Amino acid sequence: FNGSLGVLQDHVPHYMLVEAPRAWLPGCARPDLALPQLWMLNGLLLSAYNPFLVLRRRPQIRLLLLLGTGNAVILAVFGTFQNLVHAPGLYFGLVPSPQEYFFSTFVYPNHWGAFILLNTAAGLGLLFQALRRREHRDLWHSPVLAGAVALLFLCATVPLSASRSSSVLLALLLLAAWLHFLSQMLARHRTRRESPLRPVAGIILLAGLAAGGVAFLARDVIAQRAQQTVSQLRELQDEEGADSRLTLYQDTWRMAREHPWFGWGLESYGDIFRVYNTQRVRYDGVHYWQPYYRSAHNDWLQAWAETGLVGTGLIVLLVLLPLAGVPWRRVSSPLPFCLLAGCGLIVLYAGVEFPFANPSVIFAFWTSFYLALAYAGLDRTEPPAASPS
């Protein structure tokens, strides 16, 4: 790396302090970790980009999304059984988990929540697309009902996994989808000059029963996490615990400002941040220990700290440039908009958590993004009325 290497000693821990007199030059503090991470990110991104290049028909895109959502349902079934038997670790205890809250094959529940959020958005898009095509006699004689039940079970695993923030985002997504479905139903009955009272009342009743069923299934986890939330809110009144997350962000900001243009390099946060971490936790009134952070709990701040403004800007352009190339006003299918809604929620979620630290979430995000672009392009060039596909 640019600069000299020194050692900072403070009681027991030993820290490497990297001084960089030429902070405007690109460099990497941990090339041994950066290169494998770069290869993995490139592999995930290119794998998600391949369907955008290869798939040329809308049924192929829908089938791929259906397979991805089905995979998520299988993982949800596995995780639910694992949770109900109170397995002590992953794979029913065969693999120890580094933390108490885990679900299915995911160690961190918020990563599971982000993964399910993307798959739920894809499933909702498929349901709305199936309703729009009207290939069956009515709703009760179509696969939409079975798909809705599977999607409901998929959503129930998020509160069951004890992910509070993901549960809130998922509730917002489902509320928006429910309101859209109600508006479509009201418009359809208004066109037919029929009273929408009975179907609307039935939909509201079913939604209430579904919410009650989810709350009943995850009642123990919800109660435990609610109690933990209350305890955390009480800790906010203490001087030492009032602004730990804010302090984390401020220290990360100082770290990023040292190398604002190109950052410290991929996978360097866990090592370099030790120098900038100002948090201390006392445990006996005299001595203290310093919490270790492998992640900034804010993917946007960590991206700036590791890749700088140049790298973060290129990531943003990787999203904005393809979006700008699609005339969205001419896209009539709800499927790409649902996919992009899930991606947008993950982008917002990355401002307070680190969903992009999980490879499965990264792959699901870019797959949803590029399939949304591919479907929007086909929907624009081949209006549904002109093609039975």
Protein backbone atom coordinates (compact mmCIF):
# COMPACT_ATOMS: atom_id res chain seq x y z
CA PHE A 1 0.00 0.00 0.00
CA ASN A 2 1.06 3.62 -0.37
CA GLY A 3 2.78 4.80 2.80
CA SER A 4 4.58 3.41 5.80
CA LEU A 5 3.53 0.76 8.29
CA GLY A 6 3.50 1.26 12.02
CA VAL A 7 2.12 -0.45 15.12
CA LEU A 8 -0.23 1.09 17.66
CA GLN A 9 -0.33 -0.62 21.06
CA ASP A 10 -3.15 -0.04 23.53
CA HIS A 11 -3.18 -2.49 26.44
CA VAL A 12 -3.59 -5.98 24.95
CA PRO A 13 -4.78 -5.43 21.33
CA HIS A 14 -2.23 -4.75 18.59
CA TYR A 15 -3.23 -2.67 15.62
CA MET A 16 -1.57 -2.04 12.30
CA LEU A 17 -1.72 1.66 11.47
CA VAL A 18 -1.42 2.49 7.79
CA GLU A 19 -0.27 5.99 6.97
CA ALA A 20 -0.85 7.16 3.41
CA PRO A 21 0.76 10.45 2.41
CA ARG A 22 -0.57 10.00 -1.13
CA ALA A 23 -4.20 9.22 -0.40
CA TRP A 24 -5.30 10.16 -3.92
CA LEU A 25 -3.53 7.14 -5.45
CA PRO A 26 -5.37 3.81 -5.73
CA GLY A 27 -4.18 1.02 -3.49
CA CYS A 28 -5.28 -1.96 -1.43
CA ALA A 29 -4.62 -2.68 2.22
CA ARG A 30 -5.48 -6.41 1.98
CA PRO A 31 -4.81 -7.68 -1.57
CA ASP A 32 -4.93 -11.26 -0.31
CA LEU A 33 -8.61 -10.73 0.56
CA ALA A 34 -9.48 -8.24 -2.17
CA LEU A 35 -8.68 -10.45 -5.16
CA PRO A 36 -10.89 -13.42 -4.12
CA GLN A 37 -13.68 -10.98 -3.25
CA LEU A 38 -13.35 -9.29 -6.64
CA TRP A 39 -13.49 -12.62 -8.45
CA MET A 40 -16.59 -13.64 -6.51
CA LEU A 41 -18.38 -10.34 -7.19
CA ASN A 42 -17.51 -10.51 -10.89
CA GLY A 43 -18.73 -14.10 -11.08
CA LEU A 44 -22.04 -13.25 -9.41
CA LEU A 45 -22.61 -10.17 -11.55
CA LEU A 46 -21.76 -11.87 -14.86
CA SER A 47 -23.87 -14.92 -13.96
CA ALA A 48 -26.84 -12.64 -13.32
CA TYR A 49 -26.14 -10.72 -16.54
CA ASN A 50 -26.11 -13.85 -18.72
CA PRO A 51 -29.93 -14.31 -18.76
CA PHE A 52 -30.25 -10.70 -19.91
CA LEU A 53 -28.16 -11.57 -22.96
CA VAL A 54 -29.50 -15.06 -23.64
CA LEU A 55 -33.24 -15.06 -22.88
CA ARG A 56 -35.33 -13.67 -25.72
CA ARG A 57 -38.84 -14.76 -24.76
CA ARG A 58 -40.97 -13.71 -21.82
CA PRO A 59 -42.04 -17.27 -20.85
CA GLN A 60 -38.35 -18.14 -20.41
CA ILE A 61 -37.87 -15.23 -18.02
CA ARG A 62 -41.00 -16.15 -16.06
CA LEU A 63 -39.82 -19.76 -15.83
CA LEU A 64 -36.44 -18.68 -14.48
CA LEU A 65 -38.11 -16.45 -11.89
CA LEU A 66 -40.45 -19.30 -10.96
CA LEU A 67 -37.48 -21.64 -10.42
CA GLY A 68 -35.76 -19.04 -8.25
CA THR A 69 -38.87 -18.47 -6.15
CA GLY A 70 -39.41 -22.22 -5.86
CA ASN A 71 -35.86 -22.60 -4.58
CA ALA A 72 -36.62 -19.98 -1.93
CA VAL A 73 -39.78 -21.86 -0.91
CA ILE A 74 -37.78 -25.09 -0.50
CA LEU A 75 -35.25 -23.28 1.69
CA ALA A 76 -38.14 -21.78 3.66
CA VAL A 77 -39.66 -25.22 4.31
CA PHE A 78 -36.27 -26.52 5.41
CA GLY A 79 -35.71 -23.53 7.68
CA THR A 80 -39.19 -23.75 9.19
CA PHE A 81 -38.77 -27.39 10.21
CA GLN A 82 -35.30 -26.58 11.53
CA ASN A 83 -36.73 -23.71 13.57
CA LEU A 84 -39.72 -25.65 14.93
CA VAL A 85 -37.53 -28.43 16.32
CA HIS A 86 -35.23 -25.79 17.88
CA ALA A 87 -32.13 -27.08 16.09
CA PRO A 88 -28.92 -25.93 17.83
CA GLY A 89 -27.19 -25.18 14.53
CA LEU A 90 -27.43 -25.22 10.76
CA TYR A 91 -28.61 -28.38 8.99
CA PHE A 92 -30.41 -29.52 12.13
CA GLY A 93 -27.32 -29.04 14.27
CA LEU A 94 -24.74 -30.68 12.01
CA VAL A 95 -23.01 -27.34 11.42
CA PRO A 96 -22.60 -25.02 14.44
CA SER A 97 -23.89 -21.48 13.98
CA PRO A 98 -21.70 -18.55 15.05
CA GLN A 99 -24.73 -16.75 16.47
CA GLU A 100 -28.05 -17.55 18.11
CA TYR A 101 -30.40 -16.28 15.41
CA PHE A 102 -30.08 -18.17 12.14
CA PHE A 103 -32.56 -19.52 9.63
CA SER A 104 -32.42 -22.23 6.98
CA THR A 105 -28.90 -22.11 5.51
CA PHE A 106 -28.39 -18.42 6.40
CA VAL A 107 -26.31 -17.53 9.46
CA TYR A 108 -27.63 -13.96 9.75
CA PRO A 109 -31.44 -13.49 9.86
CA ASN A 110 -31.35 -10.09 8.14
CA HIS A 111 -29.64 -11.71 5.16
CA TRP A 112 -32.43 -14.27 5.02
CA GLY A 113 -34.95 -11.44 5.21
CA ALA A 114 -33.31 -9.58 2.31
CA PHE A 115 -33.19 -12.79 0.27
CA ILE A 116 -36.89 -13.46 0.88
CA LEU A 117 -37.75 -9.83 0.15
CA LEU A 118 -36.30 -10.14 -3.35
CA ASN A 119 -37.98 -13.49 -3.99
CA THR A 120 -41.30 -12.21 -2.66
CA ALA A 121 -41.16 -9.26 -5.07
CA ALA A 122 -40.49 -11.72 -7.90
CA GLY A 123 -43.38 -13.93 -6.78
CA LEU A 124 -45.76 -10.98 -6.58
CA GLY A 125 -44.74 -9.96 -10.08
CA LEU A 126 -45.51 -13.45 -11.36
CA LEU A 127 -48.92 -13.42 -9.63
CA PHE A 128 -49.88 -10.04 -11.04
CA GLN A 129 -48.71 -11.13 -14.48
CA ALA A 130 -50.80 -14.31 -14.27
CA LEU A 131 -53.87 -12.28 -13.24
CA ARG A 132 -53.27 -9.89 -16.11
CA ARG A 133 -53.08 -12.61 -18.75
CA ARG A 134 -56.52 -14.07 -17.85
CA GLU A 135 -55.88 -17.50 -19.36
CA HIS A 136 -58.19 -19.24 -16.86
CA ARG A 137 -61.91 -19.08 -16.19
CA ASP A 138 -61.58 -17.25 -12.87
CA LEU A 139 -59.28 -16.80 -9.92
CA TRP A 140 -60.34 -20.04 -8.23
CA HIS A 141 -59.51 -22.11 -11.34
CA SER A 142 -56.03 -20.67 -11.84
CA PRO A 143 -52.60 -21.33 -10.30
CA VAL A 144 -52.73 -17.86 -8.75
CA LEU A 145 -54.34 -19.09 -5.54
CA ALA A 146 -51.75 -21.82 -5.00
CA GLY A 147 -48.99 -19.32 -5.78
CA ALA A 148 -50.43 -16.87 -3.25
CA VAL A 149 -50.46 -19.56 -0.54
CA ALA A 150 -46.83 -20.49 -1.30
CA LEU A 151 -45.87 -16.83 -1.24
CA LEU A 152 -47.64 -16.34 2.08
CA PHE A 153 -45.68 -19.22 3.59
CA LEU A 154 -42.49 -17.69 2.20
CA CYS A 155 -43.28 -14.35 3.86
CA ALA A 156 -44.10 -16.02 7.18
CA THR A 157 -40.51 -17.19 7.54
CA VAL A 158 -39.18 -13.62 7.84
CA PRO A 159 -40.72 -12.88 11.28
CA LEU A 160 -40.06 -16.52 12.16
CA SER A 161 -36.35 -15.90 11.53
CA ALA A 162 -36.42 -13.00 14.04
CA SER A 163 -35.46 -10.38 11.45
CA ARG A 164 -37.21 -7.22 12.64
CA SER A 165 -36.05 -4.77 10.00
CA SER A 166 -36.73 -7.18 7.13
CA SER A 167 -40.20 -7.87 8.54
CA VAL A 168 -41.00 -4.15 8.39
CA LEU A 169 -39.80 -3.86 4.78
CA LEU A 170 -41.68 -7.00 3.79
CA ALA A 171 -44.86 -5.65 5.40
CA LEU A 172 -44.51 -2.46 3.35
CA LEU A 173 -44.06 -4.48 0.16
CA LEU A 174 -47.07 -6.67 0.88
CA LEU A 175 -49.21 -3.65 1.82
CA ALA A 176 -48.35 -1.94 -1.47
CA ALA A 177 -49.14 -5.14 -3.41
CA TRP A 178 -52.42 -5.60 -1.53
CA LEU A 179 -53.51 -2.02 -2.23
CA HIS A 180 -52.61 -2.43 -5.91
CA PHE A 181 -54.64 -5.64 -6.11
CA LEU A 182 -57.62 -3.96 -4.45
CA SER A 183 -57.44 -0.99 -6.82
CA GLN A 184 -57.34 -3.34 -9.81
CA MET A 185 -60.34 -5.27 -8.50
CA LEU A 186 -62.32 -2.09 -7.87
CA ALA A 187 -61.55 -0.82 -11.37
CA ARG A 188 -62.60 -4.14 -12.90
CA HIS A 189 -65.93 -4.21 -11.05
CA ARG A 190 -66.51 -0.56 -11.82
CA THR A 191 -66.07 -1.31 -15.53
CA ARG A 192 -68.56 -4.19 -15.30
CA ARG A 193 -70.92 -2.05 -13.20
CA GLU A 194 -70.93 -4.66 -10.44
CA SER A 195 -70.79 -4.15 -6.70
CA PRO A 196 -67.25 -4.79 -5.38
CA LEU A 197 -68.41 -5.12 -1.76
CA ARG A 198 -68.33 -8.91 -1.47
CA PRO A 199 -64.96 -9.57 -3.19
CA VAL A 200 -63.31 -6.67 -1.38
CA ALA A 201 -64.66 -7.87 1.97
CA GLY A 202 -63.42 -11.38 1.17
CA ILE A 203 -59.93 -10.09 0.29
CA ILE A 204 -59.76 -8.06 3.50
CA LEU A 205 -60.88 -11.07 5.53
CA LEU A 206 -58.32 -13.35 3.88
CA ALA A 207 -55.58 -10.79 4.50
CA GLY A 208 -56.55 -10.56 8.17
CA LEU A 209 -56.57 -14.35 8.53
CA ALA A 210 -53.18 -14.60 6.82
CA ALA A 211 -51.67 -11.96 9.09
CA GLY A 212 -53.13 -13.70 12.14
CA GLY A 213 -51.74 -17.05 10.99
CA VAL A 214 -48.27 -15.62 10.53
CA ALA A 215 -48.41 -13.94 13.94
CA PHE A 216 -49.53 -17.22 15.55
CA LEU A 217 -46.77 -19.24 13.86
CA ALA A 218 -44.03 -16.83 14.90
CA ARG A 219 -45.56 -15.76 18.22
CA ASP A 220 -42.66 -17.02 20.36
CA VAL A 221 -39.99 -15.41 18.21
CA ILE A 222 -41.97 -12.16 17.91
CA ALA A 223 -42.43 -11.99 21.69
CA GLN A 224 -38.75 -12.65 22.30
CA ARG A 225 -37.61 -10.04 19.79
CA ALA A 226 -40.15 -7.53 21.07
CA GLN A 227 -38.76 -7.93 24.57
CA GLN A 228 -35.25 -7.50 23.21
CA THR A 229 -36.34 -4.34 21.36
CA VAL A 230 -37.73 -2.88 24.58
CA SER A 231 -34.46 -3.67 26.35
CA GLN A 232 -32.48 -2.00 23.59
CA LEU A 233 -34.66 1.08 23.78
CA ARG A 234 -33.99 1.28 27.50
CA GLU A 235 -30.27 0.97 26.87
CA LEU A 236 -30.47 4.00 24.59
CA GLN A 237 -30.98 6.08 27.71
CA ASP A 238 -27.54 5.08 28.99
CA GLU A 239 -24.62 7.32 28.16
CA GLU A 240 -22.45 4.54 26.73
CA GLY A 241 -25.11 2.88 24.59
CA ALA A 242 -26.99 5.88 23.30
CA ASP A 243 -25.15 6.36 20.02
CA SER A 244 -23.16 3.19 19.27
CA ARG A 245 -24.53 2.91 15.73
CA LEU A 246 -24.08 6.65 15.15
CA THR A 247 -20.51 6.42 16.45
CA LEU A 248 -19.89 3.49 14.13
CA TYR A 249 -21.05 5.56 11.16
CA GLN A 250 -18.99 8.57 12.24
CA ASP A 251 -15.84 6.47 12.60
CA THR A 252 -16.46 4.87 9.21
CA TRP A 253 -16.92 8.33 7.74
CA ARG A 254 -13.50 9.36 9.12
CA MET A 255 -11.97 6.20 7.69
CA ALA A 256 -13.45 6.88 4.26
CA ARG A 257 -12.29 10.49 4.27
CA GLU A 258 -8.68 9.35 4.60
CA HIS A 259 -8.93 7.77 1.13
CA PRO A 260 -11.96 9.44 -0.46
CA TRP A 261 -11.28 8.67 -4.12
CA PHE A 262 -10.27 5.01 -4.30
CA GLY A 263 -10.78 3.73 -0.74
CA TRP A 264 -8.72 1.25 1.24
CA GLY A 265 -9.50 -1.73 -0.99
CA LEU A 266 -12.07 -4.51 -0.98
CA GLU A 267 -12.38 -6.54 2.23
CA SER A 268 -10.16 -4.10 4.11
CA TYR A 269 -12.82 -2.74 6.46
CA GLY A 270 -12.45 -5.31 9.24
CA ASP A 271 -8.72 -4.65 9.60
CA ILE A 272 -8.40 -0.93 8.87
CA PHE A 273 -11.43 0.11 10.91
CA ARG A 274 -9.71 -1.02 14.11
CA VAL A 275 -7.54 2.07 13.85
CA TYR A 276 -10.54 4.41 13.56
CA ASN A 277 -12.88 2.67 15.99
CA THR A 278 -13.41 4.95 19.00
CA GLN A 279 -15.96 2.81 20.83
CA ARG A 280 -15.04 1.39 24.23
CA VAL A 281 -17.24 -0.77 26.43
CA ARG A 282 -16.43 -0.95 30.15
CA TYR A 283 -17.07 -4.30 31.80
CA ASP A 284 -15.83 -3.87 35.38
CA GLY A 285 -15.75 -0.13 35.95
CA VAL A 286 -12.01 0.09 35.24
CA HIS A 287 -11.11 -2.02 32.22
CA TYR A 288 -12.76 -1.92 28.85
CA TRP A 289 -12.86 -3.84 25.62
CA GLN A 290 -13.18 -2.56 22.08
CA PRO A 291 -15.98 -4.07 19.94
CA TYR A 292 -14.85 -5.57 16.65
CA TYR A 293 -16.75 -4.73 13.46
CA ARG A 294 -16.32 -6.75 10.31
CA SER A 295 -18.99 -4.67 8.62
CA ALA A 296 -20.07 -1.04 8.90
CA HIS A 297 -23.76 -2.03 9.10
CA ASN A 298 -24.18 0.39 6.20
CA ASP A 299 -23.24 -0.95 2.79
CA TRP A 300 -23.11 2.52 1.25
CA LEU A 301 -20.62 3.83 3.81
CA GLN A 302 -18.56 0.67 3.60
CA ALA A 303 -18.51 0.84 -0.20
CA TRP A 304 -17.11 4.37 0.04
CA ALA A 305 -14.54 3.32 2.65
CA GLU A 306 -13.39 0.31 0.62
CA THR A 307 -13.76 1.45 -3.01
CA GLY A 308 -13.87 5.24 -2.67
CA LEU A 309 -16.03 7.68 -4.57
CA VAL A 310 -14.77 6.30 -7.87
CA GLY A 311 -15.70 2.71 -7.11
CA THR A 312 -19.03 3.59 -5.50
CA GLY A 313 -19.87 5.88 -8.41
CA LEU A 314 -19.18 3.08 -10.89
CA ILE A 315 -21.51 0.79 -8.94
CA VAL A 316 -24.24 3.45 -9.06
CA LEU A 317 -23.73 3.91 -12.80
CA LEU A 318 -23.99 0.15 -13.22
CA VAL A 319 -27.61 0.55 -12.09
CA LEU A 320 -28.60 3.95 -13.43
CA LEU A 321 -27.30 3.62 -17.00
CA PRO A 322 -29.30 0.43 -17.83
CA LEU A 323 -32.40 1.92 -16.17
CA ALA A 324 -32.12 5.07 -18.27
CA GLY A 325 -32.04 2.99 -21.46
CA VAL A 326 -35.60 1.64 -21.00
CA PRO A 327 -38.65 3.79 -21.89
CA TRP A 328 -40.62 2.81 -18.82
CA ARG A 329 -43.76 4.68 -19.84
CA ARG A 330 -44.22 2.17 -22.64
CA VAL A 331 -43.89 -0.85 -20.33
CA SER A 332 -47.29 -2.22 -19.36
CA SER A 333 -46.40 -5.45 -17.53
CA PRO A 334 -46.33 -5.28 -13.70
CA LEU A 335 -43.57 -7.91 -13.48
CA PRO A 336 -40.52 -5.67 -14.07
CA PHE A 337 -41.88 -3.03 -11.71
CA CYS A 338 -42.29 -5.62 -8.94
CA LEU A 339 -38.75 -6.83 -9.46
CA LEU A 340 -37.39 -3.29 -9.33
CA ALA A 341 -39.47 -2.57 -6.22
CA GLY A 342 -37.71 -5.43 -4.42
CA CYS A 343 -34.32 -4.17 -5.61
CA GLY A 344 -35.17 -0.64 -4.48
CA LEU A 345 -36.06 -1.81 -1.00
CA ILE A 346 -32.75 -3.65 -0.73
CA VAL A 347 -30.90 -0.50 -1.84
CA LEU A 348 -32.65 1.44 0.92
CA TYR A 349 -32.02 -1.37 3.39
CA ALA A 350 -28.31 -1.15 2.61
CA GLY A 351 -28.32 2.28 4.24
CA VAL A 352 -28.86 0.77 7.70
CA GLU A 353 -27.67 -2.83 7.30
CA PHE A 354 -25.31 -4.91 5.17
CA PRO A 355 -27.44 -7.15 2.91
CA PHE A 356 -24.79 -7.07 0.17
CA ALA A 357 -22.37 -8.91 2.44
CA ASN A 358 -24.22 -12.12 1.55
CA PRO A 359 -23.49 -13.72 -1.88
CA SER A 360 -27.01 -15.13 -2.20
CA VAL A 361 -28.51 -11.67 -1.73
CA ILE A 362 -26.06 -10.19 -4.23
CA PHE A 363 -26.93 -12.80 -6.84
CA ALA A 364 -30.69 -12.49 -6.24
CA PHE A 365 -30.46 -8.69 -6.46
CA TRP A 366 -28.61 -8.57 -9.77
CA THR A 367 -30.69 -11.40 -11.23
CA SER A 368 -33.92 -9.54 -10.38
CA PHE A 369 -32.48 -6.31 -11.75
CA TYR A 370 -31.34 -7.68 -15.11
CA LEU A 371 -34.43 -9.85 -15.59
CA ALA A 372 -36.58 -6.77 -14.97
CA LEU A 373 -34.69 -4.95 -17.72
CA ALA A 374 -34.96 -7.92 -20.06
CA TYR A 375 -38.70 -8.33 -19.50
CA ALA A 376 -39.31 -4.61 -19.85
CA GLY A 377 -37.53 -4.62 -23.20
CA LEU A 378 -39.58 -7.55 -24.48
CA ASP A 379 -42.81 -6.10 -23.14
CA ARG A 380 -42.05 -2.83 -24.92
CA THR A 381 -41.23 -4.43 -28.26
CA GLU A 382 -43.92 -7.13 -28.09
CA PRO A 383 -47.15 -5.80 -26.56
CA PRO A 384 -49.20 -8.56 -24.90
CA ALA A 385 -52.13 -7.96 -27.26
CA ALA A 386 -49.94 -8.74 -30.28
CA SER A 387 -48.37 -11.92 -28.93
CA PRO A 388 -49.84 -14.85 -26.96
CA SER A 389 -46.55 -15.26 -25.08
